Protein backbone atom coordinates (compact mmCIF):
# COMPACT_ATOMS: atom_id res chain seq x y z
CA ILE A 1 -6.48 -7.42 16.48
CA GLU A 2 -8.78 -5.65 14.04
CA PRO A 3 -7.01 -2.39 13.18
CA ASP A 4 -8.51 0.19 10.86
CA ILE A 5 -5.09 0.99 9.43
CA VAL A 6 -1.60 -0.50 9.70
CA ILE A 7 1.43 1.45 8.53
CA ALA A 8 4.67 -0.49 8.18
CA ALA A 9 7.73 1.72 7.74
CA THR A 10 10.25 -0.80 6.46
CA GLY A 11 13.12 1.47 5.47
CA TYR A 12 15.24 0.98 2.38
CA HIS A 13 14.69 -2.77 2.18
CA THR A 14 11.18 -4.14 2.05
CA GLY A 15 11.58 -7.20 4.27
CA LEU A 16 7.96 -7.91 3.42
CA ARG A 17 8.31 -11.58 2.50
CA SER A 18 8.08 -12.69 6.12
CA ILE A 19 4.90 -10.64 6.58
CA LEU A 20 3.19 -10.87 3.18
CA GLY A 21 5.01 -13.70 1.40
CA HIS A 22 1.97 -15.99 1.59
CA LEU A 23 -0.10 -13.43 -0.34
CA ASP A 24 0.35 -12.84 -4.06
CA VAL A 25 1.27 -9.16 -3.65
CA LEU A 26 5.06 -9.29 -4.09
CA ASP A 27 7.13 -9.90 -7.21
CA GLY A 28 10.11 -12.26 -7.36
CA SER A 29 12.36 -9.62 -5.77
CA GLY A 30 10.04 -9.13 -2.81
CA VAL A 31 8.84 -5.76 -4.11
CA PRO A 32 5.10 -4.99 -4.06
CA LYS A 33 3.34 -5.48 -7.40
CA ILE A 34 1.23 -2.39 -6.77
CA HIS A 35 2.21 1.12 -5.77
CA GLY A 36 0.62 4.34 -4.60
CA ASP A 37 -3.17 4.43 -4.60
CA ALA A 38 -3.44 1.25 -6.69
CA GLN A 39 -5.06 -1.73 -5.01
CA MET A 40 -5.58 -5.40 -5.69
CA ASP A 41 -9.19 -6.61 -5.67
CA ALA A 42 -8.25 -9.48 -3.36
CA TYR A 43 -6.76 -7.12 -0.75
CA PRO A 44 -8.72 -3.89 -0.51
CA GLY A 45 -7.12 -1.44 1.88
CA LEU A 46 -3.55 -2.57 1.17
CA TRP A 47 -1.30 0.19 -0.19
CA PHE A 48 2.45 0.50 -0.76
CA THR A 49 4.70 3.48 -1.31
CA GLY A 50 8.42 4.03 -1.74
CA MET A 51 9.11 0.57 -3.10
CA GLN A 52 9.39 1.49 -6.78
CA PRO A 53 12.94 2.38 -7.83
CA ARG A 54 13.13 5.67 -9.71
CA LEU A 55 16.00 7.48 -11.34
CA THR A 56 15.06 10.63 -9.43
CA GLY A 57 14.72 8.78 -6.12
CA PHE A 58 11.72 8.28 -3.89
CA PHE A 59 11.60 11.58 -2.04
CA GLN A 60 10.66 13.64 -5.10
CA LEU A 61 7.33 11.78 -5.32
CA ALA A 62 6.80 11.06 -1.62
CA GLY A 63 4.42 13.94 -0.99
CA SER A 64 2.17 13.37 -4.00
CA THR A 65 2.09 9.61 -3.42
CA ALA A 66 1.22 10.10 0.25
CA ARG A 67 -1.65 12.43 -0.71
CA LYS A 68 -2.99 9.88 -3.22
CA ILE A 69 -2.89 7.11 -0.63
CA ALA A 70 -4.50 9.34 2.03
CA LEU A 71 -7.36 10.16 -0.35
CA ALA A 72 -7.79 6.47 -1.21
CA ILE A 73 -7.90 5.58 2.50
CA ASP A 74 -10.45 8.33 3.12
CA ARG A 75 -12.62 7.07 0.25
CA SER A 76 -12.41 3.48 1.49
CA LEU A 77 -13.35 4.45 5.05
CA ILE A 78 -16.35 6.43 3.78
CA PHE A 79 -17.33 3.37 1.72
CA LEU A 80 -17.00 1.05 4.74
CA ARG A 81 -18.91 3.37 7.06
CA SER A 82 -21.75 3.59 4.55
CA GLY A 83 -22.54 -0.07 5.25
CA PHE A 84 -22.37 -0.97 1.58
CA VAL A 85 -21.32 -4.59 1.08
CA ARG A 86 -19.73 -5.79 -2.15
């Protein structure tokens, strides 16, 4: 399978160790080390949202974080379609 995008809605618990545990993207608690539109150089195109605990809760920032990730995805797809190779 060579998907353009994969969205994993994991709920209130990440459960990502079984999927991503072999990669160095999770901290000791199994929470992603990056959040929002941030990316790791080793894994371009991998984004996480909703996994950072906040005093105000996740939903207050959900819309703005989703917009940031959507823009980052759009930029990355434009970059890929341009044929530019790093």
